[in-house]
Amino acid sequence: MTASETSRAFQAKYPDQCEDCDEPVNVGDWVRYVDDALIHTDCPNAAPPVAITDVCGKCWTVHAGGCL
């Protein structure tokens, strides 16, 4: 998974199941998407969220160097 495939955190509006820890996601839990998987924000194995400043303003990509 790359950082560009991670959503911002939000509160769940519907019950579901966390793809990382297999625990239930309850309404109001803080979650985010990594790829298409719903993950608790406090799961120990979850990928770190992307800071908005990490996204290139020219190509809208997260990359390690300058934009080509």
PDB file of N, CA and C in Angstrom:
ATOM      1  N   MET A   1       0.826  -1.182   0.000  1.00  0.00           N
ATOM      2  CA  MET A   1       0.000   0.000   0.000  1.00  0.00           C
ATOM      3  C   MET A   1       0.869   1.243   0.000  1.00  0.00           C
ATOM      4  N   THR A   2       0.465   2.224  -0.740  1.00  0.00           N
ATOM      5  CA  THR A   2       1.190   3.486  -0.735  1.00  0.00           C
ATOM      6  C   THR A   2       0.385   4.512   0.025  1.00  0.00           C
ATOM      7  N   ALA A   3       1.043   5.565   0.433  1.00  0.00           N
ATOM      8  CA  ALA A   3       0.375   6.601   1.202  1.00  0.00           C
ATOM      9  C   ALA A   3      -0.747   7.255   0.417  1.00  0.00           C
ATOM     10  N   SER A   4      -0.656   7.296  -0.898  1.00  0.00           N
ATOM     11  CA  SER A   4      -1.682   7.959  -1.698  1.00  0.00           C
ATOM     12  C   SER A   4      -2.989   7.175  -1.729  1.00  0.00           C
ATOM     13  N   GLU A   5      -3.000   5.947  -1.196  1.00  0.00           N
ATOM     14  CA  GLU A   5      -4.204   5.131  -1.192  1.00  0.00           C
ATOM     15  C   GLU A   5      -4.895   5.147   0.165  1.00  0.00           C
ATOM     16  N   THR A   6      -4.565   6.112   1.022  1.00  0.00           N
ATOM     17  CA  THR A   6      -5.122   6.211   2.364  1.00  0.00           C
ATOM     18  C   THR A   6      -5.999   7.454   2.467  1.00  0.00           C
ATOM     19  N   SER A   7      -7.220   7.273   2.992  1.00  0.00           N
ATOM     20  CA  SER A   7      -8.133   8.405   3.133  1.00  0.00           C
ATOM     21  C   SER A   7      -7.896   9.133   4.452  1.00  0.00           C
ATOM     22  N   ARG A   8      -8.543  10.257   4.608  1.00  0.00           N
ATOM     23  CA  ARG A   8      -8.561  10.965   5.882  1.00  0.00           C
ATOM     24  C   ARG A   8      -9.441  10.193   6.859  1.00  0.00           C
ATOM     25  N   ALA A   9      -9.227  10.418   8.139  1.00  0.00           N
ATOM     26  CA  ALA A   9     -10.042   9.780   9.175  1.00  0.00           C
ATOM     27  C   ALA A   9     -11.428  10.420   9.214  1.00  0.00           C
ATOM     28  N   PHE A  10     -12.424   9.600   9.513  1.00  0.00           N
ATOM     29  CA  PHE A  10     -13.798  10.072   9.660  1.00  0.00           C
ATOM     30  C   PHE A  10     -14.526   9.156  10.627  1.00  0.00           C
ATOM     31  N   GLN A  11     -15.681   9.604  11.121  1.00  0.00           N
ATOM     32  CA  GLN A  11     -16.477   8.777  12.017  1.00  0.00           C
ATOM     33  C   GLN A  11     -17.423   7.906  11.201  1.00  0.00           C
ATOM     34  N   ALA A  12     -17.457   6.616  11.535  1.00  0.00           N
ATOM     35  CA  ALA A  12     -18.303   5.664  10.812  1.00  0.00           C
ATOM     36  C   ALA A  12     -19.779   6.009  11.003  1.00  0.00           C
ATOM     37  N   LYS A  13     -20.526   5.973   9.909  1.00  0.00           N
ATOM     38  CA  LYS A  13     -21.970   6.208   9.964  1.00  0.00           C
ATOM     39  C   LYS A  13     -22.748   4.902  10.009  1.00  0.00           C
ATOM     40  N   TYR A  14     -22.072   3.795   9.668  1.00  0.00           N
ATOM     41  CA  TYR A  14     -22.716   2.483   9.604  1.00  0.00           C
ATOM     42  C   TYR A  14     -21.814   1.444  10.257  1.00  0.00           C
ATOM     43  N   PRO A  15     -22.394   0.395  10.836  1.00  0.00           N
ATOM     44  CA  PRO A  15     -21.565  -0.680  11.391  1.00  0.00           C
ATOM     45  C   PRO A  15     -20.887  -1.469  10.279  1.00  0.00           C
ATOM     46  N   ASP A  16     -19.703  -1.975  10.558  1.00  0.00           N
ATOM     47  CA  ASP A  16     -18.932  -2.747   9.580  1.00  0.00           C
ATOM     48  C   ASP A  16     -17.910  -3.571  10.353  1.00  0.00           C
ATOM     49  N   GLN A  17     -16.892  -4.061   9.671  1.00  0.00           N
ATOM     50  CA  GLN A  17     -15.822  -4.815  10.312  1.00  0.00           C
ATOM     51  C   GLN A  17     -14.486  -4.261   9.843  1.00  0.00           C
ATOM     52  N   CYS A  18     -13.560  -4.081  10.773  1.00  0.00           N
ATOM     53  CA  CYS A  18     -12.223  -3.591  10.453  1.00  0.00           C
ATOM     54  C   CYS A  18     -11.462  -4.676   9.705  1.00  0.00           C
ATOM     55  N   GLU A  19     -10.895  -4.324   8.559  1.00  0.00           N
ATOM     56  CA  GLU A  19     -10.143  -5.286   7.749  1.00  0.00           C
ATOM     57  C   GLU A  19      -8.771  -5.595   8.346  1.00  0.00           C
ATOM     58  N   ASP A  20      -8.314  -4.773   9.290  1.00  0.00           N
ATOM     59  CA  ASP A  20      -6.989  -4.969   9.877  1.00  0.00           C
ATOM     60  C   ASP A  20      -7.039  -5.873  11.107  1.00  0.00           C
ATOM     61  N   CYS A  21      -7.977  -5.619  12.022  1.00  0.00           N
ATOM     62  CA  CYS A  21      -8.020  -6.373  13.283  1.00  0.00           C
ATOM     63  C   CYS A  21      -9.225  -7.303  13.384  1.00  0.00           C
ATOM     64  N   ASP A  22     -10.117  -7.275  12.401  1.00  0.00           N
ATOM     65  CA  ASP A  22     -11.331  -8.096  12.378  1.00  0.00           C
ATOM     66  C   ASP A  22     -12.300  -7.791  13.517  1.00  0.00           C
ATOM     67  N   GLU A  23     -12.087  -6.705  14.239  1.00  0.00           N
ATOM     68  CA  GLU A  23     -13.020  -6.276  15.276  1.00  0.00           C
ATOM     69  C   GLU A  23     -14.142  -5.474  14.621  1.00  0.00           C
ATOM     70  N   PRO A  24     -15.308  -5.404  15.261  1.00  0.00           N
ATOM     71  CA  PRO A  24     -16.402  -4.636  14.671  1.00  0.00           C
ATOM     72  C   PRO A  24     -16.100  -3.138  14.635  1.00  0.00           C
ATOM     73  N   VAL A  25     -16.609  -2.497  13.610  1.00  0.00           N
ATOM     74  CA  VAL A  25     -16.607  -1.036  13.516  1.00  0.00           C
ATOM     75  C   VAL A  25     -18.009  -0.604  13.912  1.00  0.00           C
ATOM     76  N   ASN A  26     -18.102   0.173  14.966  1.00  0.00           N
ATOM     77  CA  ASN A  26     -19.391   0.654  15.444  1.00  0.00           C
ATOM     78  C   ASN A  26     -19.647   2.063  14.934  1.00  0.00           C
ATOM     79  N   VAL A  27     -20.912   2.437  14.863  1.00  0.00           N
ATOM     80  CA  VAL A  27     -21.275   3.799  14.471  1.00  0.00           C
ATOM     81  C   VAL A  27     -20.575   4.768  15.425  1.00  0.00           C
ATOM     82  N   GLY A  28     -19.877   5.749  14.867  1.00  0.00           N
ATOM     83  CA  GLY A  28     -19.159   6.738  15.659  1.00  0.00           C
ATOM     84  C   GLY A  28     -17.681   6.438  15.851  1.00  0.00           C
ATOM     85  N   ASP A  29     -17.240   5.212  15.536  1.00  0.00           N
ATOM     86  CA  ASP A  29     -15.814   4.884  15.623  1.00  0.00           C
ATOM     87  C   ASP A  29     -15.035   5.690  14.586  1.00  0.00           C
ATOM     88  N   TRP A  30     -13.796   6.066  14.927  1.00  0.00           N
ATOM     89  CA  TRP A  30     -12.932   6.760  13.972  1.00  0.00           C
ATOM     90  C   TRP A  30     -12.269   5.726  13.075  1.00  0.00           C
ATOM     91  N   VAL A  31     -12.455   5.880  11.765  1.00  0.00           N
ATOM     92  CA  VAL A  31     -11.964   4.933  10.768  1.00  0.00           C
ATOM     93  C   VAL A  31     -11.394   5.694   9.575  1.00  0.00           C
ATOM     94  N   ARG A  32     -10.753   4.960   8.678  1.00  0.00           N
ATOM     95  CA  ARG A  32     -10.322   5.511   7.395  1.00  0.00           C
ATOM     96  C   ARG A  32     -10.197   4.357   6.420  1.00  0.00           C
ATOM     97  N   TYR A  33     -10.116   4.677   5.150  1.00  0.00           N
ATOM     98  CA  TYR A  33      -9.941   3.661   4.123  1.00  0.00           C
ATOM     99  C   TYR A  33      -8.472   3.566   3.739  1.00  0.00           C
ATOM    100  N   VAL A  34      -7.977   2.342   3.629  1.00  0.00           N
ATOM    101  CA  VAL A  34      -6.670   2.049   3.054  1.00  0.00           C
ATOM    102  C   VAL A  34      -6.981   1.150   1.871  1.00  0.00           C
ATOM    103  N   ASP A  35      -6.724   1.637   0.666  1.00  0.00           N
ATOM    104  CA  ASP A  35      -7.243   1.026  -0.560  1.00  0.00           C
ATOM    105  C   ASP A  35      -8.766   1.015  -0.424  1.00  0.00           C
ATOM    106  N   ASP A  36      -9.395  -0.130  -0.522  1.00  0.00           N
ATOM    107  CA  ASP A  36     -10.848  -0.221  -0.367  1.00  0.00           C
ATOM    108  C   ASP A  36     -11.239  -0.822   0.976  1.00  0.00           C
ATOM    109  N   ALA A  37     -10.292  -0.960   1.893  1.00  0.00           N
ATOM    110  CA  ALA A  37     -10.542  -1.600   3.181  1.00  0.00           C
ATOM    111  C   ALA A  37     -10.780  -0.559   4.267  1.00  0.00           C
ATOM    112  N   LEU A  38     -11.828  -0.763   5.060  1.00  0.00           N
ATOM    113  CA  LEU A  38     -12.129   0.110   6.184  1.00  0.00           C
ATOM    114  C   LEU A  38     -11.296  -0.331   7.382  1.00  0.00           C
ATOM    115  N   ILE A  39     -10.556   0.609   7.988  1.00  0.00           N
ATOM    116  CA  ILE A  39      -9.618   0.320   9.071  1.00  0.00           C
ATOM    117  C   ILE A  39      -9.872   1.282  10.225  1.00  0.00           C
ATOM    118  N   HIS A  40      -9.837   0.772  11.481  1.00  0.00           N
ATOM    119  CA  HIS A  40      -9.859   1.670  12.642  1.00  0.00           C
ATOM    120  C   HIS A  40      -8.624   2.574  12.583  1.00  0.00           C
ATOM    121  N   THR A  41      -8.758   3.820  12.971  1.00  0.00           N
ATOM    122  CA  THR A  41      -7.601   4.718  12.957  1.00  0.00           C
ATOM    123  C   THR A  41      -6.571   4.338  14.005  1.00  0.00           C
ATOM    124  N   ASP A  42      -6.971   3.621  15.054  1.00  0.00           N
ATOM    125  CA  ASP A  42      -6.028   3.253  16.111  1.00  0.00           C
ATOM    126  C   ASP A  42      -5.550   1.803  16.026  1.00  0.00           C
ATOM    127  N   CYS A  43      -5.766   1.129  14.902  1.00  0.00           N
ATOM    128  CA  CYS A  43      -5.256  -0.235  14.725  1.00  0.00           C
ATOM    129  C   CYS A  43      -3.728  -0.195  14.655  1.00  0.00           C
ATOM    130  N   PRO A  44      -3.052  -1.106  15.351  1.00  0.00           N
ATOM    131  CA  PRO A  44      -1.586  -1.063  15.368  1.00  0.00           C
ATOM    132  C   PRO A  44      -0.938  -1.381  14.023  1.00  0.00           C
ATOM    133  N   ASN A  45      -1.603  -2.113  13.146  1.00  0.00           N
ATOM    134  CA  ASN A  45      -1.016  -2.496  11.861  1.00  0.00           C
ATOM    135  C   ASN A  45      -1.431  -1.593  10.708  1.00  0.00           C
ATOM    136  N   ALA A  46      -2.244  -0.610  10.976  1.00  0.00           N
ATOM    137  CA  ALA A  46      -2.744   0.260   9.911  1.00  0.00           C
ATOM    138  C   ALA A  46      -1.639   1.174   9.387  1.00  0.00           C
ATOM    139  N   ALA A  47      -1.688   1.470   8.093  1.00  0.00           N
ATOM    140  CA  ALA A  47      -0.721   2.385   7.482  1.00  0.00           C
ATOM    141  C   ALA A  47      -0.963   3.800   7.999  1.00  0.00           C
ATOM    142  N   PRO A  48       0.082   4.602   8.155  1.00  0.00           N
ATOM    143  CA  PRO A  48      -0.099   5.968   8.639  1.00  0.00           C
ATOM    144  C   PRO A  48      -0.842   6.825   7.612  1.00  0.00           C
ATOM    145  N   PRO A  49      -1.668   7.756   8.081  1.00  0.00           N
ATOM    146  CA  PRO A  49      -2.400   8.611   7.143  1.00  0.00           C
ATOM    147  C   PRO A  49      -1.471   9.571   6.409  1.00  0.00           C
ATOM    148  N   VAL A  50      -1.915  10.053   5.276  1.00  0.00           N
ATOM    149  CA  VAL A  50      -1.142  10.981   4.455  1.00  0.00           C
ATOM    150  C   VAL A  50      -1.425  12.405   4.908  1.00  0.00           C
ATOM    151  N   ALA A  51      -0.378  13.191   5.070  1.00  0.00           N
ATOM    152  CA  ALA A  51      -0.557  14.610   5.337  1.00  0.00           C
ATOM    153  C   ALA A  51      -0.865  15.303   4.015  1.00  0.00           C
ATOM    154  N   ILE A  52      -1.774  16.248   4.034  1.00  0.00           N
ATOM    155  CA  ILE A  52      -2.164  16.953   2.815  1.00  0.00           C
ATOM    156  C   ILE A  52      -0.950  17.611   2.162  1.00  0.00           C
ATOM    157  N   THR A  53       0.021  18.039   2.943  1.00  0.00           N
ATOM    158  CA  THR A  53       1.207  18.693   2.386  1.00  0.00           C
ATOM    159  C   THR A  53       2.099  17.727   1.619  1.00  0.00           C
ATOM    160  N   ASP A  54       1.881  16.405   1.766  1.00  0.00           N
ATOM    161  CA  ASP A  54       2.684  15.418   1.054  1.00  0.00           C
ATOM    162  C   ASP A  54       2.269  15.256  -0.407  1.00  0.00           C
ATOM    163  N   VAL A  55       1.149  15.824  -0.795  1.00  0.00           N
ATOM    164  CA  VAL A  55       0.641  15.670  -2.156  1.00  0.00           C
ATOM    165  C   VAL A  55       1.164  16.815  -3.017  1.00  0.00           C
ATOM    166  N   CYS A  56       1.756  16.483  -4.169  1.00  0.00           N
ATOM    167  CA  CYS A  56       2.292  17.472  -5.096  1.00  0.00           C
ATOM    168  C   CYS A  56       1.146  18.303  -5.679  1.00  0.00           C
ATOM    169  N   GLY A  57       1.280  19.603  -5.648  1.00  0.00           N
ATOM    170  CA  GLY A  57       0.260  20.490  -6.186  1.00  0.00           C
ATOM    171  C   GLY A  57       0.218  20.537  -7.706  1.00  0.00           C
ATOM    172  N   LYS A  58       1.275  20.035  -8.377  1.00  0.00           N
ATOM    173  CA  LYS A  58       1.300  20.020  -9.843  1.00  0.00           C
ATOM    174  C   LYS A  58       0.673  18.757 -10.419  1.00  0.00           C
ATOM    175  N   CYS A  59       1.064  17.597  -9.868  1.00  0.00           N
ATOM    176  CA  CYS A  59       0.618  16.327 -10.463  1.00  0.00           C
ATOM    177  C   CYS A  59      -0.309  15.535  -9.541  1.00  0.00           C
ATOM    178  N   TRP A  60      -0.577  16.045  -8.323  1.00  0.00           N
ATOM    179  CA  TRP A  60      -1.468  15.412  -7.350  1.00  0.00           C
ATOM    180  C   TRP A  60      -1.014  14.003  -6.987  1.00  0.00           C
ATOM    181  N   THR A  61       0.323  13.824  -6.903  1.00  0.00           N
ATOM    182  CA  THR A  61       0.922  12.542  -6.565  1.00  0.00           C
ATOM    183  C   THR A  61       1.785  12.709  -5.325  1.00  0.00           C
ATOM    184  N   VAL A  62       1.902  11.658  -4.528  1.00  0.00           N
ATOM    185  CA  VAL A  62       2.837  11.650  -3.414  1.00  0.00           C
ATOM    186  C   VAL A  62       4.116  11.005  -3.927  1.00  0.00           C
ATOM    187  N   HIS A  63       5.209  11.773  -3.967  1.00  0.00           N
ATOM    188  CA  HIS A  63       6.473  11.221  -4.447  1.00  0.00           C
ATOM    189  C   HIS A  63       7.623  11.729  -3.597  1.00  0.00           C
ATOM    190  N   ALA A  64       8.769  11.078  -3.714  1.00  0.00           N
ATOM    191  CA  ALA A  64       9.903  11.348  -2.832  1.00  0.00           C
ATOM    192  C   ALA A  64      10.727  12.570  -3.239  1.00  0.00           C
ATOM    193  N   GLY A  65      10.730  12.937  -4.489  1.00  0.00           N
ATOM    194  CA  GLY A  65      11.547  14.058  -4.938  1.00  0.00           C
ATOM    195  C   GLY A  65      10.695  15.145  -5.556  1.00  0.00           C
ATOM    196  N   GLY A  66      11.342  15.977  -6.355  1.00  0.00           N
ATOM    197  CA  GLY A  66      10.626  17.027  -7.054  1.00  0.00           C
ATOM    198  C   GLY A  66       9.765  16.472  -8.171  1.00  0.00           C
ATOM    199  N   CYS A  67       8.789  17.233  -8.573  1.00  0.00           N
ATOM    200  CA  CYS A  67       7.897  16.814  -9.653  1.00  0.00           C
ATOM    201  C   CYS A  67       8.663  16.829 -10.976  1.00  0.00           C
ATOM    202  N   LEU A  68       8.445  15.808 -11.769  1.00  0.00           N
ATOM    203  CA  LEU A  68       9.171  15.708 -13.041  1.00  0.00           C
ATOM    204  C   LEU A  68       8.566  16.564 -14.103  1.00  0.00           C
TER     205      LEU A  68
END
